[in-house]
Amino acid sequence: MTTIHLTTFIAAPVERVFDLSRSIDLHKRSMHKRKEQAVNGVTFGLISEGESVTWKAKHFFAMRVLKVEVTQMKRPVSFTDESVSGDLRNMKHEHHFKIIENGTLMIDIFRYELGGIFGKLINRFYLHKYMQHLLEERNEMIREYAESDKWKFFLQK
């Protein structure tokens, strides 16, 4: 199983960072280059424990489908989403949030597995860097929105 571990500092309150991290709409915006769409389950707003979303996006020159479910949530400390079906077997993404003096540390622990020898080769030479880049892009957008008034676009009721 491959693990990607990222720590991102965000100068914003933990509750805001937590909610932006579970925003379906912000995720779609961060993945617009890949034309990622939420096609089933929770397709907009904030996803919560026990809910699922099915994502459809173009990765590696083909349309991919991945269904994930939020299996654990402790607001605003952590939540976990895991794959139910799709190309990433045993995908588990743990999101942790730690209050620090001048903001929030957002910690991602992203584990996944590709099947077969071909999958292991793809992961070794390409997929790991690709997945890390996607997570970094997403985290940068969360930071951009959380540290400005843009967060209101997704979280204001």
N, C-alpha and C. Protein backbone atom coordinates (compact mmCIF):
# COMPACT_ATOMS: atom_id res chain seq x y z
N MET A 1 0.85 -1.17 0.00
CA MET A 1 0.00 0.00 0.00
C MET A 1 0.89 1.24 0.00
N THR A 2 0.54 2.22 -0.80
CA THR A 2 1.30 3.46 -0.91
C THR A 2 0.68 4.50 0.02
N THR A 3 1.53 5.29 0.68
CA THR A 3 1.07 6.33 1.59
C THR A 3 1.66 7.67 1.18
N ILE A 4 0.81 8.68 1.14
CA ILE A 4 1.23 10.07 0.93
C ILE A 4 0.86 10.82 2.21
N HIS A 5 1.83 11.53 2.76
CA HIS A 5 1.61 12.28 4.00
C HIS A 5 1.93 13.74 3.72
N LEU A 6 0.95 14.61 3.90
CA LEU A 6 1.14 16.04 3.68
C LEU A 6 0.72 16.82 4.92
N THR A 7 1.45 17.86 5.23
CA THR A 7 1.08 18.78 6.29
C THR A 7 1.03 20.17 5.69
N THR A 8 -0.10 20.85 5.86
CA THR A 8 -0.31 22.17 5.27
C THR A 8 -0.72 23.14 6.37
N PHE A 9 0.00 24.25 6.47
CA PHE A 9 -0.37 25.29 7.42
C PHE A 9 -1.37 26.23 6.74
N ILE A 10 -2.45 26.55 7.46
CA ILE A 10 -3.45 27.48 6.96
C ILE A 10 -3.76 28.48 8.08
N ALA A 11 -3.61 29.75 7.77
CA ALA A 11 -3.85 30.82 8.75
C ALA A 11 -5.34 31.14 8.80
N ALA A 12 -6.10 30.20 9.36
CA ALA A 12 -7.56 30.34 9.47
C ALA A 12 -8.05 29.44 10.59
N PRO A 13 -9.25 29.71 11.11
CA PRO A 13 -9.80 28.88 12.19
C PRO A 13 -10.03 27.43 11.75
N VAL A 14 -9.86 26.52 12.67
CA VAL A 14 -9.96 25.10 12.38
C VAL A 14 -11.33 24.71 11.82
N GLU A 15 -12.40 25.29 12.33
CA GLU A 15 -13.75 24.93 11.85
C GLU A 15 -13.91 25.27 10.37
N ARG A 16 -13.38 26.42 9.96
CA ARG A 16 -13.46 26.83 8.55
C ARG A 16 -12.67 25.88 7.66
N VAL A 17 -11.46 25.55 8.10
CA VAL A 17 -10.61 24.65 7.31
C VAL A 17 -11.25 23.27 7.22
N PHE A 18 -11.78 22.79 8.33
CA PHE A 18 -12.45 21.49 8.36
C PHE A 18 -13.61 21.45 7.36
N ASP A 19 -14.47 22.46 7.41
CA ASP A 19 -15.64 22.46 6.53
C ASP A 19 -15.25 22.64 5.06
N LEU A 20 -14.28 23.48 4.77
CA LEU A 20 -13.83 23.61 3.38
C LEU A 20 -13.26 22.29 2.86
N SER A 21 -12.65 21.53 3.74
CA SER A 21 -12.05 20.24 3.34
C SER A 21 -13.10 19.20 2.98
N ARG A 22 -14.31 19.36 3.49
CA ARG A 22 -15.36 18.40 3.16
C ARG A 22 -16.40 18.98 2.20
N SER A 23 -16.07 20.13 1.61
CA SER A 23 -16.96 20.76 0.64
C SER A 23 -16.83 20.09 -0.73
N ILE A 24 -17.92 19.54 -1.20
CA ILE A 24 -17.96 18.94 -2.53
C ILE A 24 -17.70 20.01 -3.59
N ASP A 25 -18.27 21.20 -3.40
CA ASP A 25 -18.14 22.28 -4.38
C ASP A 25 -16.70 22.78 -4.49
N LEU A 26 -16.01 22.92 -3.36
CA LEU A 26 -14.61 23.35 -3.41
C LEU A 26 -13.75 22.27 -4.05
N HIS A 27 -14.03 21.01 -3.76
CA HIS A 27 -13.27 19.92 -4.38
C HIS A 27 -13.43 19.97 -5.90
N LYS A 28 -14.66 20.16 -6.36
CA LYS A 28 -14.90 20.26 -7.81
C LYS A 28 -14.10 21.42 -8.40
N ARG A 29 -14.09 22.54 -7.72
CA ARG A 29 -13.35 23.70 -8.23
C ARG A 29 -11.85 23.40 -8.28
N SER A 30 -11.33 22.71 -7.28
CA SER A 30 -9.89 22.41 -7.26
C SER A 30 -9.49 21.41 -8.34
N MET A 31 -10.45 20.63 -8.83
CA MET A 31 -10.17 19.61 -9.85
C MET A 31 -10.78 19.97 -11.21
N HIS A 32 -11.04 21.25 -11.44
CA HIS A 32 -11.70 21.65 -12.69
C HIS A 32 -10.89 21.29 -13.93
N LYS A 33 -9.57 21.27 -13.84
CA LYS A 33 -8.73 20.92 -14.99
C LYS A 33 -9.00 19.49 -15.46
N ARG A 34 -9.40 18.65 -14.54
CA ARG A 34 -9.67 17.25 -14.86
C ARG A 34 -11.15 16.99 -15.09
N LYS A 35 -11.93 18.08 -15.12
CA LYS A 35 -13.37 18.00 -15.36
C LYS A 35 -14.06 17.05 -14.36
N GLU A 36 -13.58 17.09 -13.13
CA GLU A 36 -14.14 16.20 -12.11
C GLU A 36 -15.55 16.62 -11.76
N GLN A 37 -16.44 15.64 -11.69
CA GLN A 37 -17.84 15.89 -11.39
C GLN A 37 -18.30 14.93 -10.29
N ALA A 38 -19.18 15.42 -9.44
CA ALA A 38 -19.85 14.56 -8.47
C ALA A 38 -21.13 14.10 -9.15
N VAL A 39 -21.24 12.80 -9.43
CA VAL A 39 -22.34 12.30 -10.25
C VAL A 39 -23.40 11.50 -9.48
N ASN A 40 -23.11 11.17 -8.23
CA ASN A 40 -24.08 10.41 -7.44
C ASN A 40 -23.79 10.63 -5.96
N GLY A 41 -24.80 10.43 -5.14
CA GLY A 41 -24.64 10.63 -3.70
C GLY A 41 -24.71 12.11 -3.37
N VAL A 42 -23.83 12.57 -2.50
CA VAL A 42 -23.77 14.00 -2.15
C VAL A 42 -23.04 14.70 -3.29
N THR A 43 -23.75 15.52 -4.04
CA THR A 43 -23.16 16.14 -5.23
C THR A 43 -22.89 17.64 -5.05
N PHE A 44 -23.25 18.20 -3.91
CA PHE A 44 -22.95 19.60 -3.59
C PHE A 44 -23.04 19.77 -2.08
N GLY A 45 -22.49 20.88 -1.60
CA GLY A 45 -22.53 21.15 -0.17
C GLY A 45 -21.47 20.39 0.59
N LEU A 46 -21.74 20.15 1.87
CA LEU A 46 -20.78 19.49 2.76
C LEU A 46 -21.16 18.03 2.94
N ILE A 47 -20.18 17.16 2.79
CA ILE A 47 -20.41 15.73 3.01
C ILE A 47 -20.19 15.41 4.49
N SER A 48 -20.96 14.47 5.00
CA SER A 48 -20.90 14.11 6.42
C SER A 48 -20.69 12.61 6.59
N GLU A 49 -20.48 12.20 7.82
CA GLU A 49 -20.26 10.78 8.12
C GLU A 49 -21.44 9.94 7.64
N GLY A 50 -21.11 8.80 7.02
CA GLY A 50 -22.11 7.88 6.51
C GLY A 50 -22.60 8.21 5.11
N GLU A 51 -22.19 9.35 4.58
CA GLU A 51 -22.60 9.75 3.23
C GLU A 51 -21.51 9.39 2.22
N SER A 52 -21.93 9.27 0.97
CA SER A 52 -20.97 8.93 -0.09
C SER A 52 -21.13 9.88 -1.27
N VAL A 53 -20.10 9.90 -2.09
CA VAL A 53 -20.11 10.66 -3.34
C VAL A 53 -19.40 9.81 -4.39
N THR A 54 -19.94 9.83 -5.59
CA THR A 54 -19.29 9.17 -6.72
C THR A 54 -18.72 10.25 -7.62
N TRP A 55 -17.40 10.18 -7.82
CA TRP A 55 -16.67 11.14 -8.64
C TRP A 55 -16.41 10.55 -10.02
N LYS A 56 -16.52 11.39 -11.03
CA LYS A 56 -16.18 11.01 -12.40
C LYS A 56 -15.21 12.07 -12.90
N ALA A 57 -14.05 11.63 -13.42
CA ALA A 57 -13.03 12.58 -13.87
C ALA A 57 -12.11 11.94 -14.89
N LYS A 58 -11.45 12.80 -15.63
CA LYS A 58 -10.48 12.31 -16.62
C LYS A 58 -9.10 12.28 -15.98
N HIS A 59 -8.57 11.09 -15.85
CA HIS A 59 -7.21 10.87 -15.35
C HIS A 59 -6.57 9.82 -16.25
N PHE A 60 -5.34 10.05 -16.63
CA PHE A 60 -4.60 9.09 -17.47
C PHE A 60 -5.35 8.81 -18.78
N PHE A 61 -5.81 9.88 -19.42
CA PHE A 61 -6.41 9.83 -20.76
C PHE A 61 -7.71 9.04 -20.83
N ALA A 62 -8.35 8.79 -19.70
CA ALA A 62 -9.61 8.05 -19.71
C ALA A 62 -10.50 8.58 -18.58
N MET A 63 -11.81 8.40 -18.75
CA MET A 63 -12.74 8.78 -17.69
C MET A 63 -12.68 7.70 -16.60
N ARG A 64 -12.54 8.14 -15.39
CA ARG A 64 -12.47 7.25 -14.23
C ARG A 64 -13.64 7.54 -13.31
N VAL A 65 -14.09 6.52 -12.60
CA VAL A 65 -15.17 6.67 -11.63
C VAL A 65 -14.67 6.12 -10.30
N LEU A 66 -14.92 6.88 -9.24
CA LEU A 66 -14.51 6.46 -7.90
C LEU A 66 -15.61 6.85 -6.93
N LYS A 67 -16.11 5.87 -6.20
CA LYS A 67 -17.11 6.12 -5.16
C LYS A 67 -16.42 6.06 -3.81
N VAL A 68 -16.59 7.12 -3.00
CA VAL A 68 -16.01 7.16 -1.67
C VAL A 68 -17.10 7.44 -0.63
N GLU A 69 -16.88 6.93 0.56
CA GLU A 69 -17.80 7.13 1.67
C GLU A 69 -17.03 7.71 2.85
N VAL A 70 -17.65 8.66 3.54
CA VAL A 70 -17.06 9.19 4.77
C VAL A 70 -17.39 8.19 5.87
N THR A 71 -16.36 7.52 6.38
CA THR A 71 -16.55 6.44 7.34
C THR A 71 -16.36 6.86 8.79
N GLN A 72 -15.77 8.04 8.99
CA GLN A 72 -15.52 8.52 10.35
C GLN A 72 -15.48 10.03 10.30
N MET A 73 -16.05 10.68 11.33
CA MET A 73 -15.97 12.14 11.41
C MET A 73 -16.04 12.57 12.86
N LYS A 74 -15.10 13.41 13.24
CA LYS A 74 -15.09 14.00 14.58
C LYS A 74 -14.80 15.49 14.37
N ARG A 75 -15.86 16.27 14.26
CA ARG A 75 -15.73 17.68 13.93
C ARG A 75 -15.16 18.47 15.10
N PRO A 76 -14.20 19.33 14.93
CA PRO A 76 -13.43 19.67 13.74
C PRO A 76 -12.03 19.05 13.74
N VAL A 77 -11.90 17.86 14.31
CA VAL A 77 -10.60 17.24 14.52
C VAL A 77 -10.17 16.35 13.36
N SER A 78 -11.12 15.56 12.81
CA SER A 78 -10.73 14.61 11.75
C SER A 78 -11.95 14.08 11.02
N PHE A 79 -11.68 13.58 9.82
CA PHE A 79 -12.65 12.74 9.11
C PHE A 79 -11.88 11.86 8.15
N THR A 80 -12.51 10.74 7.79
CA THR A 80 -11.88 9.76 6.91
C THR A 80 -12.85 9.41 5.80
N ASP A 81 -12.33 9.40 4.57
CA ASP A 81 -13.13 8.87 3.47
C ASP A 81 -12.40 7.69 2.86
N GLU A 82 -13.19 6.68 2.44
CA GLU A 82 -12.62 5.44 1.91
C GLU A 82 -13.33 5.04 0.63
N SER A 83 -12.58 4.39 -0.26
CA SER A 83 -13.16 3.95 -1.53
C SER A 83 -14.15 2.82 -1.30
N VAL A 84 -15.25 2.88 -2.05
CA VAL A 84 -16.24 1.83 -2.05
C VAL A 84 -16.11 1.04 -3.35
N SER A 85 -15.84 1.77 -4.44
CA SER A 85 -15.61 1.14 -5.74
C SER A 85 -14.79 2.08 -6.61
N GLY A 86 -14.13 1.51 -7.63
CA GLY A 86 -13.32 2.30 -8.54
C GLY A 86 -11.92 1.75 -8.69
N ASP A 87 -11.08 2.51 -9.38
CA ASP A 87 -9.73 2.06 -9.70
C ASP A 87 -8.79 1.99 -8.49
N LEU A 88 -9.00 2.83 -7.51
CA LEU A 88 -8.12 2.83 -6.34
C LEU A 88 -8.66 1.87 -5.29
N ARG A 89 -8.06 0.69 -5.24
CA ARG A 89 -8.46 -0.29 -4.23
C ARG A 89 -7.95 0.14 -2.87
N ASN A 90 -8.72 -0.14 -1.88
CA ASN A 90 -8.30 0.13 -0.50
C ASN A 90 -7.84 1.56 -0.28
N MET A 91 -8.46 2.53 -0.96
CA MET A 91 -8.11 3.92 -0.77
C MET A 91 -8.70 4.40 0.55
N LYS A 92 -7.85 5.01 1.35
CA LYS A 92 -8.27 5.57 2.63
C LYS A 92 -7.59 6.92 2.80
N HIS A 93 -8.39 7.98 2.95
CA HIS A 93 -7.86 9.33 3.10
C HIS A 93 -8.27 9.86 4.46
N GLU A 94 -7.28 9.98 5.34
CA GLU A 94 -7.50 10.53 6.67
C GLU A 94 -7.17 12.02 6.63
N HIS A 95 -8.11 12.83 7.13
CA HIS A 95 -7.94 14.28 7.20
C HIS A 95 -7.88 14.63 8.68
N HIS A 96 -6.78 15.23 9.12
CA HIS A 96 -6.62 15.62 10.53
C HIS A 96 -6.40 17.13 10.60
N PHE A 97 -6.91 17.75 11.66
CA PHE A 97 -6.84 19.20 11.81
C PHE A 97 -6.38 19.51 13.23
N LYS A 98 -5.34 20.31 13.32
CA LYS A 98 -4.78 20.64 14.63
C LYS A 98 -4.72 22.15 14.79
N ILE A 99 -5.32 22.64 15.86
CA ILE A 99 -5.27 24.07 16.16
C ILE A 99 -3.86 24.41 16.64
N ILE A 100 -3.30 25.45 16.03
CA ILE A 100 -2.02 25.98 16.51
C ILE A 100 -2.20 27.48 16.74
N GLU A 101 -1.20 28.11 17.30
CA GLU A 101 -1.31 29.50 17.75
C GLU A 101 -1.86 30.45 16.69
N ASN A 102 -1.41 30.35 15.46
CA ASN A 102 -1.81 31.33 14.45
C ASN A 102 -2.61 30.71 13.30
N GLY A 103 -3.26 29.58 13.55
CA GLY A 103 -4.06 28.98 12.50
C GLY A 103 -4.31 27.49 12.72
N THR A 104 -4.25 26.75 11.62
CA THR A 104 -4.58 25.33 11.62
C THR A 104 -3.54 24.55 10.84
N LEU A 105 -3.14 23.41 11.38
CA LEU A 105 -2.35 22.46 10.61
C LEU A 105 -3.33 21.44 10.05
N MET A 106 -3.33 21.29 8.74
CA MET A 106 -4.16 20.30 8.06
C MET A 106 -3.22 19.16 7.65
N ILE A 107 -3.52 17.97 8.12
CA ILE A 107 -2.66 16.81 7.87
C ILE A 107 -3.45 15.79 7.07
N ASP A 108 -2.90 15.43 5.92
CA ASP A 108 -3.50 14.40 5.06
C ASP A 108 -2.65 13.15 5.13
N ILE A 109 -3.31 12.02 5.37
CA ILE A 109 -2.66 10.71 5.24
C ILE A 109 -3.50 9.95 4.22
N PHE A 110 -2.94 9.79 3.05
CA PHE A 110 -3.66 9.22 1.91
C PHE A 110 -3.00 7.90 1.54
N ARG A 111 -3.76 6.80 1.69
CA ARG A 111 -3.25 5.46 1.38
C ARG A 111 -4.08 4.88 0.25
N TYR A 112 -3.41 4.19 -0.66
CA TYR A 112 -4.12 3.56 -1.77
C TYR A 112 -3.31 2.39 -2.30
N GLU A 113 -4.00 1.58 -3.10
CA GLU A 113 -3.36 0.42 -3.70
C GLU A 113 -3.92 0.21 -5.10
N LEU A 114 -3.05 -0.08 -6.02
CA LEU A 114 -3.45 -0.46 -7.37
C LEU A 114 -3.20 -1.95 -7.51
N GLY A 115 -4.09 -2.63 -8.22
CA GLY A 115 -3.96 -4.07 -8.38
C GLY A 115 -2.97 -4.48 -9.46
N GLY A 116 -2.39 -5.65 -9.29
CA GLY A 116 -1.56 -6.28 -10.31
C GLY A 116 -0.18 -5.67 -10.47
N ILE A 117 0.63 -6.35 -11.24
CA ILE A 117 2.00 -5.91 -11.50
C ILE A 117 1.99 -4.60 -12.29
N PHE A 118 1.10 -4.50 -13.28
CA PHE A 118 1.01 -3.28 -14.07
C PHE A 118 0.67 -2.09 -13.19
N GLY A 119 -0.26 -2.27 -12.26
CA GLY A 119 -0.63 -1.21 -11.34
C GLY A 119 0.53 -0.78 -10.46
N LYS A 120 1.34 -1.73 -10.00
CA LYS A 120 2.49 -1.41 -9.16
C LYS A 120 3.55 -0.64 -9.95
N LEU A 121 3.74 -0.99 -11.20
CA LEU A 121 4.70 -0.27 -12.04
C LEU A 121 4.23 1.16 -12.30
N ILE A 122 2.94 1.32 -12.62
CA ILE A 122 2.39 2.66 -12.84
C ILE A 122 2.58 3.50 -11.59
N ASN A 123 2.28 2.92 -10.44
CA ASN A 123 2.42 3.66 -9.18
C ASN A 123 3.86 4.07 -8.95
N ARG A 124 4.77 3.18 -9.15
CA ARG A 124 6.18 3.45 -8.86
C ARG A 124 6.74 4.57 -9.72
N PHE A 125 6.37 4.58 -10.99
CA PHE A 125 6.98 5.53 -11.90
C PHE A 125 6.16 6.78 -12.16
N TYR A 126 4.89 6.79 -11.78
CA TYR A 126 4.09 7.94 -12.14
C TYR A 126 2.99 8.31 -11.14
N LEU A 127 2.19 7.35 -10.74
CA LEU A 127 0.97 7.65 -10.01
C LEU A 127 1.22 8.33 -8.66
N HIS A 128 2.23 7.90 -7.94
CA HIS A 128 2.50 8.48 -6.62
C HIS A 128 2.70 9.99 -6.73
N LYS A 129 3.54 10.42 -7.67
CA LYS A 129 3.78 11.86 -7.85
C LYS A 129 2.51 12.57 -8.32
N TYR A 130 1.77 11.93 -9.19
CA TYR A 130 0.53 12.51 -9.71
C TYR A 130 -0.48 12.72 -8.58
N MET A 131 -0.67 11.71 -7.76
CA MET A 131 -1.63 11.80 -6.65
C MET A 131 -1.18 12.86 -5.63
N GLN A 132 0.11 12.91 -5.34
CA GLN A 132 0.60 13.91 -4.41
C GLN A 132 0.36 15.31 -4.96
N HIS A 133 0.59 15.49 -6.25
CA HIS A 133 0.34 16.79 -6.88
C HIS A 133 -1.14 17.18 -6.78
N LEU A 134 -2.05 16.23 -7.02
CA LEU A 134 -3.49 16.52 -6.90
C LEU A 134 -3.84 16.98 -5.48
N LEU A 135 -3.31 16.28 -4.48
CA LEU A 135 -3.58 16.64 -3.09
C LEU A 135 -3.00 18.02 -2.76
N GLU A 136 -1.81 18.31 -3.26
CA GLU A 136 -1.20 19.62 -3.01
C GLU A 136 -2.01 20.74 -3.67
N GLU A 137 -2.51 20.50 -4.88
CA GLU A 137 -3.36 21.49 -5.56
C GLU A 137 -4.63 21.75 -4.74
N ARG A 138 -5.25 20.69 -4.28
CA ARG A 138 -6.47 20.80 -3.48
C ARG A 138 -6.19 21.57 -2.19
N ASN A 139 -5.11 21.22 -1.52
CA ASN A 139 -4.77 21.89 -0.26
C ASN A 139 -4.46 23.36 -0.46
N GLU A 140 -3.82 23.69 -1.57
CA GLU A 140 -3.52 25.09 -1.86
C GLU A 140 -4.81 25.88 -2.08
N MET A 141 -5.79 25.27 -2.71
CA MET A 141 -7.07 25.95 -2.91
C MET A 141 -7.80 26.12 -1.58
N ILE A 142 -7.76 25.10 -0.73
CA ILE A 142 -8.37 25.23 0.60
C ILE A 142 -7.71 26.39 1.34
N ARG A 143 -6.38 26.47 1.28
CA ARG A 143 -5.67 27.57 1.94
C ARG A 143 -6.10 28.93 1.37
N GLU A 144 -6.13 29.02 0.04
CA GLU A 144 -6.51 30.28 -0.62
C GLU A 144 -7.90 30.75 -0.17
N TYR A 145 -8.84 29.85 -0.13
CA TYR A 145 -10.21 30.21 0.25
C TYR A 145 -10.33 30.47 1.75
N ALA A 146 -9.67 29.66 2.57
CA ALA A 146 -9.79 29.81 4.03
C ALA A 146 -9.15 31.09 4.53
N GLU A 147 -8.06 31.52 3.88
CA GLU A 147 -7.32 32.69 4.35
C GLU A 147 -7.87 34.01 3.79
N SER A 148 -8.90 33.96 2.99
CA SER A 148 -9.51 35.16 2.42
C SER A 148 -11.02 35.12 2.69
N ASP A 149 -11.72 36.08 2.15
CA ASP A 149 -13.18 36.08 2.30
C ASP A 149 -13.85 35.12 1.32
N LYS A 150 -13.09 34.46 0.47
CA LYS A 150 -13.66 33.53 -0.51
C LYS A 150 -14.36 32.35 0.16
N TRP A 151 -13.99 32.02 1.39
CA TRP A 151 -14.60 30.88 2.08
C TRP A 151 -16.12 31.03 2.18
N LYS A 152 -16.59 32.28 2.22
CA LYS A 152 -18.02 32.54 2.36
C LYS A 152 -18.82 32.01 1.16
N PHE A 153 -18.18 31.91 0.01
CA PHE A 153 -18.83 31.41 -1.18
C PHE A 153 -19.31 29.96 -0.97
N PHE A 154 -18.56 29.18 -0.20
CA PHE A 154 -18.89 27.77 0.02
C PHE A 154 -19.57 27.49 1.34
N LEU A 155 -19.36 28.32 2.35
CA LEU A 155 -19.82 27.98 3.69
C LEU A 155 -20.91 28.88 4.24
N GLN A 156 -21.16 30.02 3.65
CA GLN A 156 -22.19 30.90 4.17
C GLN A 156 -23.56 30.32 3.90
N LYS A 157 -24.41 30.32 4.88
CA LYS A 157 -25.72 29.72 4.75
C LYS A 157 -26.77 30.74 4.39
